[in-house]
Amino acid sequence: MVKICLGNLNFLVGETWNPTKLGYQLKMVRERIGKGLVEKGVLKHDRKLFAIFEQSVLIPRSPLIQRELSNKVRSLLLSPLDKALSSIHYADYPEQTPFLRLRFLLLALATYSAEILDNIIDETFQESAMSRAECLLSDLSVFPPPLKLVGLLGISQENHAVFLPYFELISAIAFALKNL
Protein backbone atom coordinates (compact mmCIF):
# COMPACT_ATOMS: atom_id res chain seq x y z
CA MET A 1 0.00 0.00 0.00
CA VAL A 2 1.14 3.51 -0.82
CA LYS A 3 -0.05 6.34 1.41
CA ILE A 4 -0.84 9.58 -0.41
CA CYS A 5 -1.36 12.85 1.43
CA LEU A 6 -3.05 15.86 -0.14
CA GLY A 7 -3.29 18.56 2.48
CA ASN A 8 -5.62 17.14 5.13
CA LEU A 9 -6.88 14.39 2.81
CA ASN A 10 -5.15 11.06 3.36
CA PHE A 11 -6.00 7.92 1.47
CA LEU A 12 -4.44 4.61 0.58
CA VAL A 13 -4.08 3.16 -2.87
CA GLY A 14 -2.97 -0.31 -3.77
CA GLU A 15 -0.82 0.68 -6.72
CA THR A 16 1.21 3.54 -8.06
CA TRP A 17 -0.22 5.58 -10.92
CA ASN A 18 1.64 5.55 -14.20
CA PRO A 19 0.61 8.44 -16.47
CA THR A 20 1.44 6.42 -19.59
CA LYS A 21 -1.06 3.72 -18.61
CA LEU A 22 -3.77 6.04 -17.30
CA GLY A 23 -6.49 4.71 -19.61
CA TYR A 24 -5.93 1.13 -18.42
CA GLN A 25 -5.78 2.19 -14.77
CA LEU A 26 -9.02 4.18 -15.05
CA LYS A 27 -10.61 1.08 -16.58
CA MET A 28 -9.56 -0.90 -13.51
CA VAL A 29 -11.00 1.80 -11.23
CA ARG A 30 -14.27 1.68 -13.18
CA GLU A 31 -14.41 -2.09 -12.72
CA ARG A 32 -13.81 -1.79 -8.97
CA ILE A 33 -16.54 0.85 -8.68
CA GLY A 34 -18.89 -1.42 -10.63
CA LYS A 35 -18.09 -4.32 -8.33
CA GLY A 36 -18.82 -2.14 -5.30
CA LEU A 37 -22.16 -1.04 -6.77
CA VAL A 38 -23.07 -4.70 -7.40
CA GLU A 39 -22.27 -5.53 -3.78
CA LYS A 40 -24.44 -2.63 -2.59
CA GLY A 41 -27.36 -3.79 -4.73
CA VAL A 42 -27.48 -0.85 -7.13
CA LEU A 43 -26.29 -2.80 -10.18
CA LYS A 44 -26.48 -6.43 -11.24
CA HIS A 45 -24.43 -8.59 -13.60
CA ASP A 46 -25.93 -9.66 -16.89
CA ARG A 47 -24.59 -11.46 -19.95
CA LYS A 48 -25.02 -9.81 -23.36
CA LEU A 49 -24.20 -11.33 -26.73
CA PHE A 50 -22.16 -8.92 -28.85
CA ALA A 51 -21.67 -10.24 -32.40
CA ILE A 52 -19.77 -13.49 -31.83
CA PHE A 53 -18.77 -13.26 -28.17
CA GLU A 54 -20.57 -13.01 -24.87
CA GLN A 55 -19.66 -10.22 -22.46
CA SER A 56 -20.58 -9.46 -18.87
CA VAL A 57 -22.28 -6.09 -18.41
CA LEU A 58 -23.57 -4.20 -15.40
CA ILE A 59 -27.16 -2.99 -15.51
CA PRO A 60 -29.23 -1.17 -12.89
CA ARG A 61 -31.16 -3.45 -10.59
CA SER A 62 -34.15 -1.14 -10.82
CA PRO A 63 -35.13 0.94 -13.88
CA LEU A 64 -36.37 3.58 -11.43
CA ILE A 65 -32.80 4.25 -10.26
CA GLN A 66 -31.60 4.56 -13.85
CA ARG A 67 -34.41 6.99 -14.71
CA GLU A 68 -33.77 9.08 -11.61
CA LEU A 69 -30.03 9.37 -12.27
CA SER A 70 -30.63 10.11 -15.95
CA ASN A 71 -33.04 12.90 -15.05
CA LYS A 72 -30.56 14.43 -12.61
CA VAL A 73 -27.72 14.36 -15.15
CA ARG A 74 -30.02 15.73 -17.85
CA SER A 75 -31.20 18.61 -15.66
CA LEU A 76 -27.66 19.42 -14.55
CA LEU A 77 -26.36 19.62 -18.13
CA LEU A 78 -29.34 21.21 -19.86
CA SER A 79 -30.91 23.65 -17.40
CA PRO A 80 -29.13 26.75 -16.05
CA LEU A 81 -26.42 25.59 -13.66
CA ASP A 82 -27.45 27.80 -10.76
CA LYS A 83 -31.05 26.53 -10.95
CA ALA A 84 -29.98 22.88 -11.29
CA LEU A 85 -27.53 23.02 -8.38
CA SER A 86 -29.84 24.99 -6.09
CA SER A 87 -32.50 22.28 -6.48
CA ILE A 88 -30.10 19.73 -4.95
CA HIS A 89 -30.05 19.91 -1.16
CA TYR A 90 -30.17 17.83 2.01
CA ALA A 91 -33.16 18.83 4.12
CA ASP A 92 -32.01 16.94 7.21
CA TYR A 93 -28.31 17.86 7.03
CA PRO A 94 -27.89 21.24 5.31
CA GLU A 95 -24.13 21.27 5.99
CA GLN A 96 -23.83 18.24 3.65
CA THR A 97 -25.50 20.04 0.72
CA PRO A 98 -22.21 21.19 -0.93
CA PHE A 99 -20.93 17.59 -0.90
CA LEU A 100 -24.13 16.36 -2.54
CA ARG A 101 -24.01 19.08 -5.20
CA LEU A 102 -20.37 18.28 -5.92
CA ARG A 103 -21.24 14.59 -6.17
CA PHE A 104 -23.93 15.21 -8.77
CA LEU A 105 -21.62 17.51 -10.70
CA LEU A 106 -18.99 14.77 -10.76
CA LEU A 107 -21.64 12.24 -11.81
CA ALA A 108 -22.50 14.38 -14.83
CA LEU A 109 -18.81 14.69 -15.72
CA ALA A 110 -18.33 10.95 -15.32
CA THR A 111 -21.13 10.28 -17.80
CA TYR A 112 -19.50 12.71 -20.22
CA SER A 113 -16.04 11.15 -19.76
CA ALA A 114 -17.44 7.64 -20.18
CA GLU A 115 -19.08 8.77 -23.43
CA ILE A 116 -22.56 7.65 -22.42
CA LEU A 117 -24.32 11.01 -22.68
CA ASP A 118 -25.82 9.93 -25.98
CA ASN A 119 -27.75 7.22 -24.07
CA ILE A 120 -29.17 9.79 -21.64
CA ILE A 121 -29.82 12.93 -23.70
CA ASP A 122 -31.83 13.33 -26.91
CA GLU A 123 -29.93 14.06 -30.11
CA THR A 124 -31.32 17.59 -30.33
CA PHE A 125 -29.76 18.57 -26.98
CA GLN A 126 -26.56 16.52 -27.14
CA GLU A 127 -24.36 19.30 -28.49
CA SER A 128 -25.34 21.79 -25.78
CA ALA A 129 -24.97 19.13 -23.06
CA MET A 130 -21.53 18.16 -24.38
CA SER A 131 -20.37 21.77 -24.46
CA ARG A 132 -21.67 22.34 -20.90
CA ALA A 133 -19.86 19.20 -19.71
CA GLU A 134 -16.63 20.28 -21.43
CA CYS A 135 -16.92 23.71 -19.83
CA LEU A 136 -17.50 22.22 -16.38
CA LEU A 137 -14.65 19.78 -16.86
CA SER A 138 -12.26 22.58 -17.79
CA ASP A 139 -13.50 24.63 -14.80
CA LEU A 140 -12.87 21.74 -12.42
CA SER A 141 -9.48 20.88 -13.94
CA VAL A 142 -8.05 24.14 -12.62
CA PHE A 143 -6.91 24.44 -9.02
CA PRO A 144 -8.29 26.34 -7.20
CA PRO A 145 -11.64 26.20 -9.00
CA PRO A 146 -13.35 29.41 -10.11
CA LEU A 147 -15.12 31.22 -7.27
CA LYS A 148 -18.37 31.30 -9.25
CA LEU A 149 -18.47 27.50 -9.34
CA VAL A 150 -17.57 27.29 -5.65
CA GLY A 151 -20.44 29.67 -4.89
CA LEU A 152 -22.89 27.64 -6.98
CA LEU A 153 -21.96 24.54 -5.00
CA GLY A 154 -23.03 26.37 -1.84
CA ILE A 155 -19.60 26.56 -0.25
CA SER A 156 -19.25 29.60 1.99
CA GLN A 157 -16.04 31.57 2.45
CA GLU A 158 -15.64 30.10 5.96
CA ASN A 159 -15.82 26.52 4.63
CA HIS A 160 -13.73 27.13 1.51
CA ALA A 161 -10.52 25.97 3.23
CA VAL A 162 -12.19 22.68 4.22
CA PHE A 163 -12.93 21.87 0.58
CA LEU A 164 -9.50 22.79 -0.85
CA PRO A 165 -7.96 19.30 -0.44
CA TYR A 166 -10.99 17.79 -2.18
CA PHE A 167 -10.77 20.32 -5.00
CA GLU A 168 -7.07 19.58 -5.40
CA LEU A 169 -7.76 15.89 -5.96
CA ILE A 170 -10.80 16.58 -8.16
CA SER A 171 -8.83 19.03 -10.31
CA ALA A 172 -6.09 16.45 -10.86
CA ILE A 173 -8.62 13.83 -11.94
CA ALA A 174 -10.54 16.31 -14.11
CA PHE A 175 -7.30 17.41 -15.77
CA ALA A 176 -6.46 13.77 -16.57
CA LEU A 177 -9.96 13.14 -17.96
CA LYS A 178 -9.82 16.31 -20.01
CA ASN A 179 -6.55 15.27 -21.63
CA LEU A 180 -7.49 11.64 -22.40
C-alpha atoms as a PDB file:
ATOM      1  CA  MET A   1       0.000   0.000   0.000  1.00  0.00           C
ATOM      2  CA  VAL A   2       1.145   3.508  -0.823  1.00  0.00           C
ATOM      3  CA  LYS A   3      -0.052   6.342   1.409  1.00  0.00           C
ATOM      4  CA  ILE A   4      -0.835   9.581  -0.411  1.00  0.00           C
ATOM      5  CA  CYS A   5      -1.363  12.852   1.434  1.00  0.00           C
ATOM      6  CA  LEU A   6      -3.048  15.857  -0.136  1.00  0.00           C
ATOM      7  CA  GLY A   7      -3.293  18.565   2.483  1.00  0.00           C
ATOM      8  CA  ASN A   8      -5.622  17.139   5.128  1.00  0.00           C
ATOM      9  CA  LEU A   9      -6.884  14.393   2.815  1.00  0.00           C
ATOM     10  CA  ASN A  10      -5.153  11.060   3.362  1.00  0.00           C
ATOM     11  CA  PHE A  11      -6.003   7.924   1.468  1.00  0.00           C
ATOM     12  CA  LEU A  12      -4.441   4.615   0.576  1.00  0.00           C
ATOM     13  CA  VAL A  13      -4.084   3.156  -2.867  1.00  0.00           C
ATOM     14  CA  GLY A  14      -2.969  -0.314  -3.772  1.00  0.00           C
ATOM     15  CA  GLU A  15      -0.817   0.681  -6.721  1.00  0.00           C
ATOM     16  CA  THR A  16       1.206   3.543  -8.061  1.00  0.00           C
ATOM     17  CA  TRP A  17      -0.216   5.579 -10.919  1.00  0.00           C
ATOM     18  CA  ASN A  18       1.639   5.547 -14.196  1.00  0.00           C
ATOM     19  CA  PRO A  19       0.612   8.440 -16.469  1.00  0.00           C
ATOM     20  CA  THR A  20       1.435   6.423 -19.594  1.00  0.00           C
ATOM     21  CA  LYS A  21      -1.057   3.715 -18.607  1.00  0.00           C
ATOM     22  CA  LEU A  22      -3.772   6.037 -17.295  1.00  0.00           C
ATOM     23  CA  GLY A  23      -6.490   4.709 -19.608  1.00  0.00           C
ATOM     24  CA  TYR A  24      -5.931   1.131 -18.422  1.00  0.00           C
ATOM     25  CA  GLN A  25      -5.781   2.187 -14.769  1.00  0.00           C
ATOM     26  CA  LEU A  26      -9.017   4.176 -15.050  1.00  0.00           C
ATOM     27  CA  LYS A  27     -10.614   1.080 -16.584  1.00  0.00           C
ATOM     28  CA  MET A  28      -9.564  -0.897 -13.512  1.00  0.00           C
ATOM     29  CA  VAL A  29     -11.002   1.802 -11.228  1.00  0.00           C
ATOM     30  CA  ARG A  30     -14.266   1.680 -13.183  1.00  0.00           C
ATOM     31  CA  GLU A  31     -14.406  -2.093 -12.718  1.00  0.00           C
ATOM     32  CA  ARG A  32     -13.812  -1.791  -8.970  1.00  0.00           C
ATOM     33  CA  ILE A  33     -16.545   0.846  -8.679  1.00  0.00           C
ATOM     34  CA  GLY A  34     -18.894  -1.420 -10.632  1.00  0.00           C
ATOM     35  CA  LYS A  35     -18.086  -4.319  -8.334  1.00  0.00           C
ATOM     36  CA  GLY A  36     -18.824  -2.139  -5.297  1.00  0.00           C
ATOM     37  CA  LEU A  37     -22.156  -1.044  -6.770  1.00  0.00           C
ATOM     38  CA  VAL A  38     -23.067  -4.696  -7.403  1.00  0.00           C
ATOM     39  CA  GLU A  39     -22.267  -5.533  -3.781  1.00  0.00           C
ATOM     40  CA  LYS A  40     -24.443  -2.631  -2.590  1.00  0.00           C
ATOM     41  CA  GLY A  41     -27.361  -3.793  -4.730  1.00  0.00           C
ATOM     42  CA  VAL A  42     -27.485  -0.848  -7.129  1.00  0.00           C
ATOM     43  CA  LEU A  43     -26.292  -2.796 -10.184  1.00  0.00           C
ATOM     44  CA  LYS A  44     -26.479  -6.431 -11.241  1.00  0.00           C
ATOM     45  CA  HIS A  45     -24.426  -8.591 -13.604  1.00  0.00           C
ATOM     46  CA  ASP A  46     -25.926  -9.660 -16.889  1.00  0.00           C
ATOM     47  CA  ARG A  47     -24.595 -11.459 -19.954  1.00  0.00           C
ATOM     48  CA  LYS A  48     -25.019  -9.813 -23.357  1.00  0.00           C
ATOM     49  CA  LEU A  49     -24.196 -11.328 -26.728  1.00  0.00           C
ATOM     50  CA  PHE A  50     -22.161  -8.917 -28.853  1.00  0.00           C
ATOM     51  CA  ALA A  51     -21.667 -10.236 -32.400  1.00  0.00           C
ATOM     52  CA  ILE A  52     -19.775 -13.489 -31.834  1.00  0.00           C
ATOM     53  CA  PHE A  53     -18.769 -13.264 -28.172  1.00  0.00           C
ATOM     54  CA  GLU A  54     -20.572 -13.008 -24.866  1.00  0.00           C
ATOM     55  CA  GLN A  55     -19.655 -10.224 -22.463  1.00  0.00           C
ATOM     56  CA  SER A  56     -20.575  -9.464 -18.869  1.00  0.00           C
ATOM     57  CA  VAL A  57     -22.278  -6.091 -18.406  1.00  0.00           C
ATOM     58  CA  LEU A  58     -23.574  -4.201 -15.397  1.00  0.00           C
ATOM     59  CA  ILE A  59     -27.155  -2.990 -15.514  1.00  0.00           C
ATOM     60  CA  PRO A  60     -29.230  -1.170 -12.887  1.00  0.00           C
ATOM     61  CA  ARG A  61     -31.157  -3.453 -10.590  1.00  0.00           C
ATOM     62  CA  SER A  62     -34.152  -1.136 -10.821  1.00  0.00           C
ATOM     63  CA  PRO A  63     -35.127   0.937 -13.876  1.00  0.00           C
ATOM     64  CA  LEU A  64     -36.374   3.581 -11.430  1.00  0.00           C
ATOM     65  CA  ILE A  65     -32.801   4.254 -10.263  1.00  0.00           C
ATOM     66  CA  GLN A  66     -31.601   4.561 -13.853  1.00  0.00           C
ATOM     67  CA  ARG A  67     -34.408   6.988 -14.715  1.00  0.00           C
ATOM     68  CA  GLU A  68     -33.773   9.081 -11.609  1.00  0.00           C
ATOM     69  CA  LEU A  69     -30.029   9.369 -12.267  1.00  0.00           C
ATOM     70  CA  SER A  70     -30.626  10.109 -15.949  1.00  0.00           C
ATOM     71  CA  ASN A  71     -33.038  12.902 -15.046  1.00  0.00           C
ATOM     72  CA  LYS A  72     -30.555  14.429 -12.613  1.00  0.00           C
ATOM     73  CA  VAL A  73     -27.725  14.365 -15.149  1.00  0.00           C
ATOM     74  CA  ARG A  74     -30.016  15.727 -17.846  1.00  0.00           C
ATOM     75  CA  SER A  75     -31.200  18.605 -15.656  1.00  0.00           C
ATOM     76  CA  LEU A  76     -27.660  19.422 -14.554  1.00  0.00           C
ATOM     77  CA  LEU A  77     -26.362  19.616 -18.127  1.00  0.00           C
ATOM     78  CA  LEU A  78     -29.342  21.213 -19.860  1.00  0.00           C
ATOM     79  CA  SER A  79     -30.905  23.649 -17.400  1.00  0.00           C
ATOM     80  CA  PRO A  80     -29.134  26.749 -16.047  1.00  0.00           C
ATOM     81  CA  LEU A  81     -26.420  25.595 -13.659  1.00  0.00           C
ATOM     82  CA  ASP A  82     -27.454  27.803 -10.758  1.00  0.00           C
ATOM     83  CA  LYS A  83     -31.047  26.526 -10.952  1.00  0.00           C
ATOM     84  CA  ALA A  84     -29.976  22.876 -11.290  1.00  0.00           C
ATOM     85  CA  LEU A  85     -27.534  23.019  -8.375  1.00  0.00           C
ATOM     86  CA  SER A  86     -29.845  24.986  -6.095  1.00  0.00           C
ATOM     87  CA  SER A  87     -32.503  22.281  -6.478  1.00  0.00           C
ATOM     88  CA  ILE A  88     -30.096  19.729  -4.948  1.00  0.00           C
ATOM     89  CA  HIS A  89     -30.047  19.912  -1.159  1.00  0.00           C
ATOM     90  CA  TYR A  90     -30.175  17.833   2.006  1.00  0.00           C
ATOM     91  CA  ALA A  91     -33.161  18.831   4.120  1.00  0.00           C
ATOM     92  CA  ASP A  92     -32.006  16.941   7.214  1.00  0.00           C
ATOM     93  CA  TYR A  93     -28.307  17.862   7.033  1.00  0.00           C
ATOM     94  CA  PRO A  94     -27.885  21.245   5.306  1.00  0.00           C
ATOM     95  CA  GLU A  95     -24.135  21.274   5.988  1.00  0.00           C
ATOM     96  CA  GLN A  96     -23.825  18.244   3.654  1.00  0.00           C
ATOM     97  CA  THR A  97     -25.499  20.042   0.725  1.00  0.00           C
ATOM     98  CA  PRO A  98     -22.209  21.193  -0.930  1.00  0.00           C
ATOM     99  CA  PHE A  99     -20.930  17.593  -0.900  1.00  0.00           C
ATOM    100  CA  LEU A 100     -24.135  16.360  -2.543  1.00  0.00           C
ATOM    101  CA  ARG A 101     -24.007  19.083  -5.203  1.00  0.00           C
ATOM    102  CA  LEU A 102     -20.369  18.283  -5.919  1.00  0.00           C
ATOM    103  CA  ARG A 103     -21.236  14.593  -6.165  1.00  0.00           C
ATOM    104  CA  PHE A 104     -23.933  15.213  -8.766  1.00  0.00           C
ATOM    105  CA  LEU A 105     -21.622  17.511 -10.698  1.00  0.00           C
ATOM    106  CA  LEU A 106     -18.991  14.765 -10.756  1.00  0.00           C
ATOM    107  CA  LEU A 107     -21.641  12.237 -11.807  1.00  0.00           C
ATOM    108  CA  ALA A 108     -22.495  14.376 -14.825  1.00  0.00           C
ATOM    109  CA  LEU A 109     -18.812  14.685 -15.719  1.00  0.00           C
ATOM    110  CA  ALA A 110     -18.326  10.946 -15.321  1.00  0.00           C
ATOM    111  CA  THR A 111     -21.135  10.283 -17.804  1.00  0.00           C
ATOM    112  CA  TYR A 112     -19.497  12.706 -20.216  1.00  0.00           C
ATOM    113  CA  SER A 113     -16.037  11.145 -19.762  1.00  0.00           C
ATOM    114  CA  ALA A 114     -17.436   7.637 -20.179  1.00  0.00           C
ATOM    115  CA  GLU A 115     -19.080   8.773 -23.427  1.00  0.00           C
ATOM    116  CA  ILE A 116     -22.563   7.653 -22.422  1.00  0.00           C
ATOM    117  CA  LEU A 117     -24.319  11.007 -22.678  1.00  0.00           C
ATOM    118  CA  ASP A 118     -25.818   9.928 -25.980  1.00  0.00           C
ATOM    119  CA  ASN A 119     -27.754   7.222 -24.072  1.00  0.00           C
ATOM    120  CA  ILE A 120     -29.174   9.792 -21.643  1.00  0.00           C
ATOM    121  CA  ILE A 121     -29.820  12.931 -23.696  1.00  0.00           C
ATOM    122  CA  ASP A 122     -31.829  13.328 -26.906  1.00  0.00           C
ATOM    123  CA  GLU A 123     -29.926  14.057 -30.110  1.00  0.00           C
ATOM    124  CA  THR A 124     -31.323  17.586 -30.330  1.00  0.00           C
ATOM    125  CA  PHE A 125     -29.763  18.568 -26.976  1.00  0.00           C
ATOM    126  CA  GLN A 126     -26.557  16.521 -27.138  1.00  0.00           C
ATOM    127  CA  GLU A 127     -24.360  19.299 -28.487  1.00  0.00           C
ATOM    128  CA  SER A 128     -25.344  21.788 -25.778  1.00  0.00           C
ATOM    129  CA  ALA A 129     -24.967  19.131 -23.060  1.00  0.00           C
ATOM    130  CA  MET A 130     -21.529  18.165 -24.378  1.00  0.00           C
ATOM    131  CA  SER A 131     -20.374  21.767 -24.458  1.00  0.00           C
ATOM    132  CA  ARG A 132     -21.669  22.345 -20.897  1.00  0.00           C
ATOM    133  CA  ALA A 133     -19.864  19.200 -19.713  1.00  0.00           C
ATOM    134  CA  GLU A 134     -16.629  20.280 -21.433  1.00  0.00           C
ATOM    135  CA  CYS A 135     -16.916  23.714 -19.828  1.00  0.00           C
ATOM    136  CA  LEU A 136     -17.497  22.216 -16.376  1.00  0.00           C
ATOM    137  CA  LEU A 137     -14.647  19.777 -16.865  1.00  0.00           C
ATOM    138  CA  SER A 138     -12.256  22.575 -17.788  1.00  0.00           C
ATOM    139  CA  ASP A 139     -13.497  24.635 -14.796  1.00  0.00           C
ATOM    140  CA  LEU A 140     -12.870  21.742 -12.422  1.00  0.00           C
ATOM    141  CA  SER A 141      -9.483  20.877 -13.938  1.00  0.00           C
ATOM    142  CA  VAL A 142      -8.046  24.144 -12.620  1.00  0.00           C
ATOM    143  CA  PHE A 143      -6.912  24.441  -9.018  1.00  0.00           C
ATOM    144  CA  PRO A 144      -8.290  26.338  -7.196  1.00  0.00           C
ATOM    145  CA  PRO A 145     -11.642  26.201  -8.998  1.00  0.00           C
ATOM    146  CA  PRO A 146     -13.354  29.407 -10.113  1.00  0.00           C
ATOM    147  CA  LEU A 147     -15.123  31.220  -7.270  1.00  0.00           C
ATOM    148  CA  LYS A 148     -18.370  31.302  -9.251  1.00  0.00           C
ATOM    149  CA  LEU A 149     -18.467  27.499  -9.342  1.00  0.00           C
ATOM    150  CA  VAL A 150     -17.572  27.291  -5.650  1.00  0.00           C
ATOM    151  CA  GLY A 151     -20.438  29.668  -4.886  1.00  0.00           C
ATOM    152  CA  LEU A 152     -22.886  27.636  -6.978  1.00  0.00           C
ATOM    153  CA  LEU A 153     -21.958  24.542  -4.996  1.00  0.00           C
ATOM    154  CA  GLY A 154     -23.030  26.373  -1.839  1.00  0.00           C
ATOM    155  CA  ILE A 155     -19.599  26.562  -0.248  1.00  0.00           C
ATOM    156  CA  SER A 156     -19.255  29.602   1.989  1.00  0.00           C
ATOM    157  CA  GLN A 157     -16.037  31.571   2.452  1.00  0.00           C
ATOM    158  CA  GLU A 158     -15.637  30.100   5.958  1.00  0.00           C
ATOM    159  CA  ASN A 159     -15.817  26.516   4.627  1.00  0.00           C
ATOM    160  CA  HIS A 160     -13.732  27.129   1.512  1.00  0.00           C
ATOM    161  CA  ALA A 161     -10.520  25.967   3.233  1.00  0.00           C
ATOM    162  CA  VAL A 162     -12.187  22.677   4.223  1.00  0.00           C
ATOM    163  CA  PHE A 163     -12.929  21.873   0.575  1.00  0.00           C
ATOM    164  CA  LEU A 164      -9.503  22.794  -0.850  1.00  0.00           C
ATOM    165  CA  PRO A 165      -7.956  19.302  -0.440  1.00  0.00           C
ATOM    166  CA  TYR A 166     -10.987  17.789  -2.184  1.00  0.00           C
ATOM    167  CA  PHE A 167     -10.768  20.316  -4.997  1.00  0.00           C
ATOM    168  CA  GLU A 168      -7.070  19.577  -5.400  1.00  0.00           C
ATOM    169  CA  LEU A 169      -7.761  15.890  -5.955  1.00  0.00           C
ATOM    170  CA  ILE A 170     -10.799  16.577  -8.158  1.00  0.00           C
ATOM    171  CA  SER A 171      -8.835  19.033 -10.308  1.00  0.00           C
ATOM    172  CA  ALA A 172      -6.092  16.453 -10.860  1.00  0.00           C
ATOM    173  CA  ILE A 173      -8.622  13.830 -11.943  1.00  0.00           C
ATOM    174  CA  ALA A 174     -10.542  16.309 -14.106  1.00  0.00           C
ATOM    175  CA  PHE A 175      -7.299  17.407 -15.768  1.00  0.00           C
ATOM    176  CA  ALA A 176      -6.459  13.766 -16.567  1.00  0.00           C
ATOM    177  CA  LEU A 177      -9.955  13.143 -17.964  1.00  0.00           C
ATOM    178  CA  LYS A 178      -9.824  16.311 -20.009  1.00  0.00           C
ATOM    179  CA  ASN A 179      -6.546  15.267 -21.626  1.00  0.00           C
ATOM    180  CA  LEU A 180      -7.489  11.645 -22.400  1.00  0.00           C
END
